[in-house]
Amino acid sequence: MDAVDRLPGFRRRLLVERGADWVRSALEDDFHCMAVTLRHDQGLVTAVEPLMRRAPWTTCPGAVERLRLTFTGAALSDFAGRGDKRSNCTHLYDLALLAAAHAFDTAPPVYDILVSDPIDGRRTAELRRDGVRLLGWIDREHRIVEPAELAGRRLDELQAWIDGLDPVRQEAARLLRWGAIIAHGRSIPMERQSDARRMPPNCYSFQPERAHVARRVGEVRDFSRGGAQLFDRPFDINSSRDGQVTVRRLA
């Protein structure tokens, strides 16, 4: 067992499954539980069915319809760069891209992302595909210290490096970078991350027209302590046609 397994911290799982004319991707982590089903015919998407089971803001459910408008009718091969990611729920958007990328895989992937809580400002982040470690980083005070080729860079300064990777590692690096950024939410006091008006406009809920009405909701789960396991609760993907989310105001 790697050291990161034994440390408290952020856990995220992304999985893909498919049939003859559909593909579905899902994620769960401390703050989210979501899925996107794409139904397709001859490479074109005939229906987009998002599902939010846990989401962090009261405004998040509105992003379900935005995702449908963004991708319905698109070619599976033309998902990357379609629409405006920032006007969508970024998590649903990434799930749609992940599903499209693996729509015809014989063995779709399962990704696990583990990010330790900071100890003296130092965090370990790791991504595994189907249980095999593909990438690992160590950062301190928001800058990578290992591996040496990335030393000194912030997580938001990795795009040029990612663009130079092969497609499999590109996907892995994008997922790990985003997971490591989201993991910071574990160490920020809730009162400091519960005013959407203070957030940069980088997702559906943080756009100026709705940030002033967005309220923090939802259940935060810690999968690194106790008996909780990712996807350990019934997850009725077949209900994704409704796109519904259950939200509960944080105390």
C-alpha atoms as a PDB file:
ATOM      1  CA  MET A   1       0.000   0.000   0.000  1.00  0.00           C
ATOM      2  CA  ASP A   2       1.341   3.425  -0.967  1.00  0.00           C
ATOM      3  CA  ALA A   3       1.775   6.020   1.751  1.00  0.00           C
ATOM      4  CA  VAL A   4      -0.975   8.224   0.312  1.00  0.00           C
ATOM      5  CA  ASP A   5      -3.519   5.477   1.066  1.00  0.00           C
ATOM      6  CA  ARG A   6      -2.765   5.752   4.763  1.00  0.00           C
ATOM      7  CA  LEU A   7      -3.067   9.527   4.935  1.00  0.00           C
ATOM      8  CA  PRO A   8      -6.323  11.404   5.470  1.00  0.00           C
ATOM      9  CA  GLY A   9      -7.276  13.396   2.424  1.00  0.00           C
ATOM     10  CA  PHE A  10      -9.379  13.877  -0.676  1.00  0.00           C
ATOM     11  CA  ARG A  11     -10.658  10.904  -2.654  1.00  0.00           C
ATOM     12  CA  ARG A  12     -12.288  11.003  -6.087  1.00  0.00           C
ATOM     13  CA  ARG A  13     -13.361   8.143  -8.359  1.00  0.00           C
ATOM     14  CA  LEU A  14     -14.386   8.491 -12.004  1.00  0.00           C
ATOM     15  CA  LEU A  15     -15.768   5.505 -13.862  1.00  0.00           C
ATOM     16  CA  VAL A  16     -17.090   4.845 -17.344  1.00  0.00           C
ATOM     17  CA  GLU A  17     -19.481   2.154 -18.552  1.00  0.00           C
ATOM     18  CA  ARG A  18     -21.072   1.680 -21.942  1.00  0.00           C
ATOM     19  CA  GLY A  19     -23.527  -0.234 -24.075  1.00  0.00           C
ATOM     20  CA  ALA A  20     -24.161  -0.489 -27.794  1.00  0.00           C
ATOM     21  CA  ASP A  21     -25.799   2.940 -28.091  1.00  0.00           C
ATOM     22  CA  TRP A  22     -24.991   4.679 -24.804  1.00  0.00           C
ATOM     23  CA  VAL A  23     -22.058   5.599 -22.599  1.00  0.00           C
ATOM     24  CA  ARG A  24     -22.084   6.852 -19.027  1.00  0.00           C
ATOM     25  CA  SER A  25     -19.463   8.444 -16.812  1.00  0.00           C
ATOM     26  CA  ALA A  26     -19.824   9.132 -13.102  1.00  0.00           C
ATOM     27  CA  LEU A  27     -17.805  10.693 -10.324  1.00  0.00           C
ATOM     28  CA  GLU A  28     -17.924  10.840  -6.575  1.00  0.00           C
ATOM     29  CA  ASP A  29     -15.691  12.735  -4.186  1.00  0.00           C
ATOM     30  CA  ASP A  30     -15.990  14.609  -0.898  1.00  0.00           C
ATOM     31  CA  PHE A  31     -18.241  17.289  -2.402  1.00  0.00           C
ATOM     32  CA  HIS A  32     -19.909  15.769  -5.487  1.00  0.00           C
ATOM     33  CA  CYS A  33     -21.784  12.724  -6.755  1.00  0.00           C
ATOM     34  CA  MET A  34     -22.773  13.109 -10.419  1.00  0.00           C
ATOM     35  CA  ALA A  35     -23.164  11.227 -13.674  1.00  0.00           C
ATOM     36  CA  VAL A  36     -23.721  11.926 -17.363  1.00  0.00           C
ATOM     37  CA  THR A  37     -25.275   9.462 -19.814  1.00  0.00           C
ATOM     38  CA  LEU A  38     -24.891  10.056 -23.543  1.00  0.00           C
ATOM     39  CA  ARG A  39     -27.185   8.193 -25.921  1.00  0.00           C
ATOM     40  CA  HIS A  40     -25.867   8.099 -29.458  1.00  0.00           C
ATOM     41  CA  ASP A  41     -26.600   6.860 -32.964  1.00  0.00           C
ATOM     42  CA  GLN A  42     -23.939   6.583 -35.675  1.00  0.00           C
ATOM     43  CA  GLY A  43     -21.581   8.746 -33.658  1.00  0.00           C
ATOM     44  CA  LEU A  44     -24.059  11.562 -32.973  1.00  0.00           C
ATOM     45  CA  VAL A  45     -25.474  12.249 -29.506  1.00  0.00           C
ATOM     46  CA  THR A  46     -29.255  11.933 -29.485  1.00  0.00           C
ATOM     47  CA  ALA A  47     -29.757  12.597 -25.759  1.00  0.00           C
ATOM     48  CA  VAL A  48     -27.736  13.960 -22.837  1.00  0.00           C
ATOM     49  CA  GLU A  49     -28.910  12.792 -19.411  1.00  0.00           C
ATOM     50  CA  PRO A  50     -27.093  14.415 -16.487  1.00  0.00           C
ATOM     51  CA  LEU A  51     -27.697  13.395 -12.898  1.00  0.00           C
ATOM     52  CA  MET A  52     -26.627  15.298  -9.783  1.00  0.00           C
ATOM     53  CA  ARG A  53     -27.007  13.432  -6.528  1.00  0.00           C
ATOM     54  CA  ARG A  54     -24.723  15.647  -4.447  1.00  0.00           C
ATOM     55  CA  ALA A  55     -23.782  19.166  -5.496  1.00  0.00           C
ATOM     56  CA  PRO A  56     -22.384  22.071  -3.478  1.00  0.00           C
ATOM     57  CA  TRP A  57     -24.655  25.009  -4.472  1.00  0.00           C
ATOM     58  CA  THR A  58     -28.402  25.629  -4.722  1.00  0.00           C
ATOM     59  CA  THR A  59     -27.914  26.875  -8.274  1.00  0.00           C
ATOM     60  CA  CYS A  60     -26.113  23.746  -9.541  1.00  0.00           C
ATOM     61  CA  PRO A  61     -29.264  21.961 -10.794  1.00  0.00           C
ATOM     62  CA  GLY A  62     -29.743  24.671 -13.415  1.00  0.00           C
ATOM     63  CA  ALA A  63     -26.596  23.438 -15.129  1.00  0.00           C
ATOM     64  CA  VAL A  64     -28.341  20.215 -16.145  1.00  0.00           C
ATOM     65  CA  GLU A  65     -30.251  21.939 -18.952  1.00  0.00           C
ATOM     66  CA  ARG A  66     -27.155  23.907 -19.981  1.00  0.00           C
ATOM     67  CA  LEU A  67     -25.257  20.648 -20.487  1.00  0.00           C
ATOM     68  CA  ARG A  68     -28.046  19.262 -22.654  1.00  0.00           C
ATOM     69  CA  LEU A  69     -27.974  22.378 -24.827  1.00  0.00           C
ATOM     70  CA  THR A  70     -24.182  22.178 -25.123  1.00  0.00           C
ATOM     71  CA  PHE A  71     -23.866  18.579 -26.315  1.00  0.00           C
ATOM     72  CA  THR A  72     -27.168  17.278 -27.726  1.00  0.00           C
ATOM     73  CA  GLY A  73     -26.728  16.659 -31.437  1.00  0.00           C
ATOM     74  CA  ALA A  74     -22.925  16.865 -31.308  1.00  0.00           C
ATOM     75  CA  ALA A  75     -20.622  14.238 -32.749  1.00  0.00           C
ATOM     76  CA  LEU A  76     -18.865  12.206 -30.062  1.00  0.00           C
ATOM     77  CA  SER A  77     -15.599  13.008 -31.825  1.00  0.00           C
ATOM     78  CA  ASP A  78     -16.296  16.761 -31.552  1.00  0.00           C
ATOM     79  CA  PHE A  79     -16.896  17.183 -27.816  1.00  0.00           C
ATOM     80  CA  ALA A  80     -13.550  18.740 -26.871  1.00  0.00           C
ATOM     81  CA  GLY A  81     -13.809  22.515 -26.896  1.00  0.00           C
ATOM     82  CA  ARG A  82     -17.542  22.532 -27.605  1.00  0.00           C
ATOM     83  CA  GLY A  83     -19.503  25.273 -25.886  1.00  0.00           C
ATOM     84  CA  ASP A  84     -18.207  27.291 -22.958  1.00  0.00           C
ATOM     85  CA  LYS A  85     -17.021  25.144 -20.072  1.00  0.00           C
ATOM     86  CA  ARG A  86     -17.267  28.024 -17.601  1.00  0.00           C
ATOM     87  CA  SER A  87     -20.960  28.525 -18.354  1.00  0.00           C
ATOM     88  CA  ASN A  88     -21.574  24.846 -17.562  1.00  0.00           C
ATOM     89  CA  CYS A  89     -21.116  22.864 -14.385  1.00  0.00           C
ATOM     90  CA  THR A  90     -17.433  22.088 -14.906  1.00  0.00           C
ATOM     91  CA  HIS A  91     -17.835  18.614 -13.390  1.00  0.00           C
ATOM     92  CA  LEU A  92     -20.728  17.627 -15.652  1.00  0.00           C
ATOM     93  CA  TYR A  93     -18.851  19.090 -18.621  1.00  0.00           C
ATOM     94  CA  ASP A  94     -15.741  17.027 -17.852  1.00  0.00           C
ATOM     95  CA  LEU A  95     -17.870  13.920 -17.363  1.00  0.00           C
ATOM     96  CA  ALA A  96     -19.459  14.458 -20.779  1.00  0.00           C
ATOM     97  CA  LEU A  97     -16.002  14.702 -22.382  1.00  0.00           C
ATOM     98  CA  LEU A  98     -14.819  11.605 -20.520  1.00  0.00           C
ATOM     99  CA  ALA A  99     -17.859   9.620 -21.644  1.00  0.00           C
ATOM    100  CA  ALA A 100     -17.459  10.707 -25.273  1.00  0.00           C
ATOM    101  CA  ALA A 101     -13.765   9.819 -25.287  1.00  0.00           C
ATOM    102  CA  HIS A 102     -14.488   6.244 -24.177  1.00  0.00           C
ATOM    103  CA  ALA A 103     -17.815   5.606 -25.917  1.00  0.00           C
ATOM    104  CA  PHE A 104     -16.442   2.683 -27.916  1.00  0.00           C
ATOM    105  CA  ASP A 105     -13.845   1.271 -25.523  1.00  0.00           C
ATOM    106  CA  THR A 106     -14.017  -2.453 -24.924  1.00  0.00           C
ATOM    107  CA  ALA A 107     -12.741  -1.874 -21.376  1.00  0.00           C
ATOM    108  CA  PRO A 108     -13.659   1.657 -20.185  1.00  0.00           C
ATOM    109  CA  PRO A 109     -11.425   3.038 -17.415  1.00  0.00           C
ATOM    110  CA  VAL A 110     -11.872   3.590 -13.714  1.00  0.00           C
ATOM    111  CA  TYR A 111      -9.794   6.443 -12.302  1.00  0.00           C
ATOM    112  CA  ASP A 112      -8.953   6.997  -8.647  1.00  0.00           C
ATOM    113  CA  ILE A 113      -7.472  10.261  -7.410  1.00  0.00           C
ATOM    114  CA  LEU A 114      -5.958  10.493  -3.925  1.00  0.00           C
ATOM    115  CA  VAL A 115      -4.682  13.771  -2.483  1.00  0.00           C
ATOM    116  CA  SER A 116      -3.368  13.853   1.065  1.00  0.00           C
ATOM    117  CA  ASP A 117      -4.273  16.665   3.434  1.00  0.00           C
ATOM    118  CA  PRO A 118      -1.349  19.104   3.796  1.00  0.00           C
ATOM    119  CA  ILE A 119       1.299  18.347   6.428  1.00  0.00           C
ATOM    120  CA  ASP A 120       3.500  21.399   6.931  1.00  0.00           C
ATOM    121  CA  GLY A 121       2.101  22.644   3.625  1.00  0.00           C
ATOM    122  CA  ARG A 122       3.111  19.488   1.733  1.00  0.00           C
ATOM    123  CA  ARG A 123       0.619  17.293  -0.146  1.00  0.00           C
ATOM    124  CA  THR A 124       0.920  14.060  -2.097  1.00  0.00           C
ATOM    125  CA  ALA A 125      -1.359  13.608  -5.124  1.00  0.00           C
ATOM    126  CA  GLU A 126      -1.724  10.398  -7.100  1.00  0.00           C
ATOM    127  CA  LEU A 127      -3.843   9.102  -9.979  1.00  0.00           C
ATOM    128  CA  ARG A 128      -4.506   5.440 -10.708  1.00  0.00           C
ATOM    129  CA  ARG A 129      -6.180   3.970 -13.750  1.00  0.00           C
ATOM    130  CA  ASP A 130      -7.766   0.582 -13.113  1.00  0.00           C
ATOM    131  CA  GLY A 131      -5.723   0.353  -9.929  1.00  0.00           C
ATOM    132  CA  VAL A 132      -2.379   1.089 -11.612  1.00  0.00           C
ATOM    133  CA  ARG A 133      -0.534   4.274 -10.656  1.00  0.00           C
ATOM    134  CA  LEU A 134      -0.055   6.541 -13.677  1.00  0.00           C
ATOM    135  CA  LEU A 135       0.901   9.895 -12.171  1.00  0.00           C
ATOM    136  CA  GLY A 136       2.063  11.280  -8.852  1.00  0.00           C
ATOM    137  CA  TRP A 137       2.964  14.773  -7.691  1.00  0.00           C
ATOM    138  CA  ILE A 138       4.080  16.372  -4.450  1.00  0.00           C
ATOM    139  CA  ASP A 139       3.287  20.042  -3.916  1.00  0.00           C
ATOM    140  CA  ARG A 140       4.100  22.495  -1.161  1.00  0.00           C
ATOM    141  CA  GLU A 141       2.227  25.756  -0.689  1.00  0.00           C
ATOM    142  CA  HIS A 142       0.551  25.327  -4.090  1.00  0.00           C
ATOM    143  CA  ARG A 143       3.765  24.681  -6.065  1.00  0.00           C
ATOM    144  CA  ILE A 144       4.950  21.282  -7.264  1.00  0.00           C
ATOM    145  CA  VAL A 145       8.227  20.047  -5.784  1.00  0.00           C
ATOM    146  CA  GLU A 146       8.224  16.548  -7.354  1.00  0.00           C
ATOM    147  CA  PRO A 147       8.750  15.325 -10.041  1.00  0.00           C
ATOM    148  CA  ALA A 148      11.751  17.447 -10.936  1.00  0.00           C
ATOM    149  CA  GLU A 149      10.454  18.227 -14.457  1.00  0.00           C
ATOM    150  CA  LEU A 150       7.508  20.124 -12.931  1.00  0.00           C
ATOM    151  CA  ALA A 151       9.256  21.613  -9.897  1.00  0.00           C
ATOM    152  CA  GLY A 152       8.267  25.189  -9.160  1.00  0.00           C
ATOM    153  CA  ARG A 153       5.076  25.189 -11.242  1.00  0.00           C
ATOM    154  CA  ARG A 154       1.617  25.861  -9.893  1.00  0.00           C
ATOM    155  CA  LEU A 155      -1.196  23.490 -10.781  1.00  0.00           C
ATOM    156  CA  ASP A 156      -2.650  26.141 -13.086  1.00  0.00           C
ATOM    157  CA  GLU A 157       0.651  26.390 -14.979  1.00  0.00           C
ATOM    158  CA  LEU A 158       0.731  22.851 -16.363  1.00  0.00           C
ATOM    159  CA  GLN A 159      -1.160  23.231 -19.644  1.00  0.00           C
ATOM    160  CA  ALA A 160       1.882  23.372 -21.925  1.00  0.00           C
ATOM    161  CA  TRP A 161       3.330  20.277 -20.247  1.00  0.00           C
ATOM    162  CA  ILE A 162       0.013  18.427 -20.501  1.00  0.00           C
ATOM    163  CA  ASP A 163      -0.301  19.290 -24.204  1.00  0.00           C
ATOM    164  CA  GLY A 164       3.016  17.504 -24.862  1.00  0.00           C
ATOM    165  CA  LEU A 165       1.897  14.181 -23.383  1.00  0.00           C
ATOM    166  CA  ASP A 166       0.453  11.184 -25.207  1.00  0.00           C
ATOM    167  CA  PRO A 167      -3.385  11.000 -25.153  1.00  0.00           C
ATOM    168  CA  VAL A 168      -3.621   8.529 -22.253  1.00  0.00           C
ATOM    169  CA  ARG A 169      -1.356  10.583 -20.006  1.00  0.00           C
ATOM    170  CA  GLN A 170      -2.975  13.829 -21.155  1.00  0.00           C
ATOM    171  CA  GLU A 171      -6.325  12.644 -19.880  1.00  0.00           C
ATOM    172  CA  ALA A 172      -4.780  11.400 -16.640  1.00  0.00           C
ATOM    173  CA  ALA A 173      -2.920  14.681 -16.053  1.00  0.00           C
ATOM    174  CA  ARG A 174      -6.021  16.782 -16.649  1.00  0.00           C
ATOM    175  CA  LEU A 175      -7.997  14.684 -14.185  1.00  0.00           C
ATOM    176  CA  LEU A 176      -5.271  14.738 -11.543  1.00  0.00           C
ATOM    177  CA  ARG A 177      -4.736  18.490 -11.845  1.00  0.00           C
ATOM    178  CA  TRP A 178      -8.453  19.215 -11.438  1.00  0.00           C
ATOM    179  CA  GLY A 179      -8.763  16.768  -8.541  1.00  0.00           C
ATOM    180  CA  ALA A 180      -5.788  18.311  -6.758  1.00  0.00           C
ATOM    181  CA  ILE A 181      -7.329  21.772  -7.134  1.00  0.00           C
ATOM    182  CA  ILE A 182     -10.697  20.623  -5.789  1.00  0.00           C
ATOM    183  CA  ALA A 183      -8.934  18.908  -2.876  1.00  0.00           C
ATOM    184  CA  HIS A 184      -7.932  22.311  -1.490  1.00  0.00           C
ATOM    185  CA  GLY A 185     -11.546  22.647  -0.346  1.00  0.00           C
ATOM    186  CA  ARG A 186     -10.827  20.240   2.504  1.00  0.00           C
ATOM    187  CA  SER A 187      -8.420  22.684   4.149  1.00  0.00           C
ATOM    188  CA  ILE A 188     -10.363  25.920   3.606  1.00  0.00           C
ATOM    189  CA  PRO A 189     -12.821  26.806   6.407  1.00  0.00           C
ATOM    190  CA  MET A 190     -16.400  26.432   5.164  1.00  0.00           C
ATOM    191  CA  GLU A 191     -17.256  30.036   5.947  1.00  0.00           C
ATOM    192  CA  ARG A 192     -14.498  31.163   3.558  1.00  0.00           C
ATOM    193  CA  GLN A 193     -15.869  29.103   0.663  1.00  0.00           C
ATOM    194  CA  SER A 194     -19.579  29.722   1.056  1.00  0.00           C
ATOM    195  CA  ASP A 195     -19.970  33.084  -0.693  1.00  0.00           C
ATOM    196  CA  ALA A 196     -20.249  32.518  -4.438  1.00  0.00           C
ATOM    197  CA  ARG A 197     -19.820  36.245  -5.078  1.00  0.00           C
ATOM    198  CA  ARG A 198     -16.184  35.925  -3.986  1.00  0.00           C
ATOM    199  CA  MET A 199     -15.427  33.115  -6.427  1.00  0.00           C
ATOM    200  CA  PRO A 200     -13.934  33.619  -9.897  1.00  0.00           C
ATOM    201  CA  PRO A 201     -16.578  33.113 -12.631  1.00  0.00           C
ATOM    202  CA  ASN A 202     -15.248  29.726 -13.694  1.00  0.00           C
ATOM    203  CA  CYS A 203     -18.414  27.633 -13.498  1.00  0.00           C
ATOM    204  CA  TYR A 204     -22.199  27.809 -13.894  1.00  0.00           C
ATOM    205  CA  SER A 205     -22.961  28.782 -10.295  1.00  0.00           C
ATOM    206  CA  PHE A 206     -20.264  31.452 -10.137  1.00  0.00           C
ATOM    207  CA  GLN A 207     -21.464  33.449 -13.136  1.00  0.00           C
ATOM    208  CA  PRO A 208     -22.433  37.001 -12.076  1.00  0.00           C
ATOM    209  CA  GLU A 209     -26.103  36.528 -12.914  1.00  0.00           C
ATOM    210  CA  ARG A 210     -26.498  33.757 -10.341  1.00  0.00           C
ATOM    211  CA  ALA A 211     -23.562  34.036  -7.902  1.00  0.00           C
ATOM    212  CA  HIS A 212     -25.529  36.486  -5.766  1.00  0.00           C
ATOM    213  CA  VAL A 213     -28.330  33.944  -5.208  1.00  0.00           C
ATOM    214  CA  ALA A 214     -26.185  30.789  -4.917  1.00  0.00           C
ATOM    215  CA  ARG A 215     -26.172  29.262  -1.440  1.00  0.00           C
ATOM    216  CA  ARG A 216     -23.881  26.520  -0.179  1.00  0.00           C
ATOM    217  CA  VAL A 217     -25.710  23.199   0.212  1.00  0.00           C
ATOM    218  CA  GLY A 218     -25.077  19.506   0.134  1.00  0.00           C
ATOM    219  CA  GLU A 219     -23.333  16.849   2.149  1.00  0.00           C
ATOM    220  CA  VAL A 220     -19.560  16.714   2.492  1.00  0.00           C
ATOM    221  CA  ARG A 221     -18.224  13.191   2.951  1.00  0.00           C
ATOM    222  CA  ASP A 222     -14.755  12.063   4.019  1.00  0.00           C
ATOM    223  CA  PHE A 223     -13.804   8.830   2.252  1.00  0.00           C
ATOM    224  CA  SER A 224     -10.360   8.622   3.838  1.00  0.00           C
ATOM    225  CA  ARG A 225     -11.625   8.023   7.365  1.00  0.00           C
ATOM    226  CA  GLY A 226     -13.983   5.443   8.778  1.00  0.00           C
ATOM    227  CA  GLY A 227     -16.025   3.056   6.698  1.00  0.00           C
ATOM    228  CA  ALA A 228     -17.366   5.304   3.919  1.00  0.00           C
ATOM    229  CA  GLN A 229     -16.508   4.067   0.433  1.00  0.00           C
ATOM    230  CA  LEU A 230     -16.878   5.820  -2.891  1.00  0.00           C
ATOM    231  CA  PHE A 231     -20.171   4.910  -4.578  1.00  0.00           C
ATOM    232  CA  ASP A 232     -21.230   3.002  -1.451  1.00  0.00           C
ATOM    233  CA  ARG A 233     -24.788   4.326  -1.672  1.00  0.00           C
ATOM    234  CA  PRO A 234     -27.341   3.231  -4.258  1.00  0.00           C
ATOM    235  CA  PHE A 235     -26.800   5.308  -7.376  1.00  0.00           C
ATOM    236  CA  ASP A 236     -29.764   4.924  -9.701  1.00  0.00           C
ATOM    237  CA  ILE A 237     -28.226   5.948 -12.988  1.00  0.00           C
ATOM    238  CA  ASN A 238     -31.484   5.106 -14.777  1.00  0.00           C
ATOM    239  CA  SER A 239     -33.035   8.164 -13.129  1.00  0.00           C
ATOM    240  CA  SER A 240     -30.626  10.405 -15.017  1.00  0.00           C
ATOM    241  CA  ARG A 241     -33.386  11.352 -17.441  1.00  0.00           C
ATOM    242  CA  ASP A 242     -34.787  13.551 -14.639  1.00  0.00           C
ATOM    243  CA  GLY A 243     -31.464  15.249 -13.894  1.00  0.00           C
ATOM    244  CA  GLN A 244     -32.474  15.763 -10.305  1.00  0.00           C
ATOM    245  CA  VAL A 245     -30.282  16.635  -7.348  1.00  0.00           C
ATOM    246  CA  THR A 246     -31.028  16.414  -3.656  1.00  0.00           C
ATOM    247  CA  VAL A 247     -29.586  19.377  -1.772  1.00  0.00           C
ATOM    248  CA  ARG A 248     -29.463  20.095   1.929  1.00  0.00           C
ATOM    249  CA  ARG A 249     -28.428  23.424   3.442  1.00  0.00           C
ATOM    250  CA  LEU A 250     -25.184  23.184   5.385  1.00  0.00           C
ATOM    251  CA  ALA A 251     -25.458  24.007   9.059  1.00  0.00           C
END
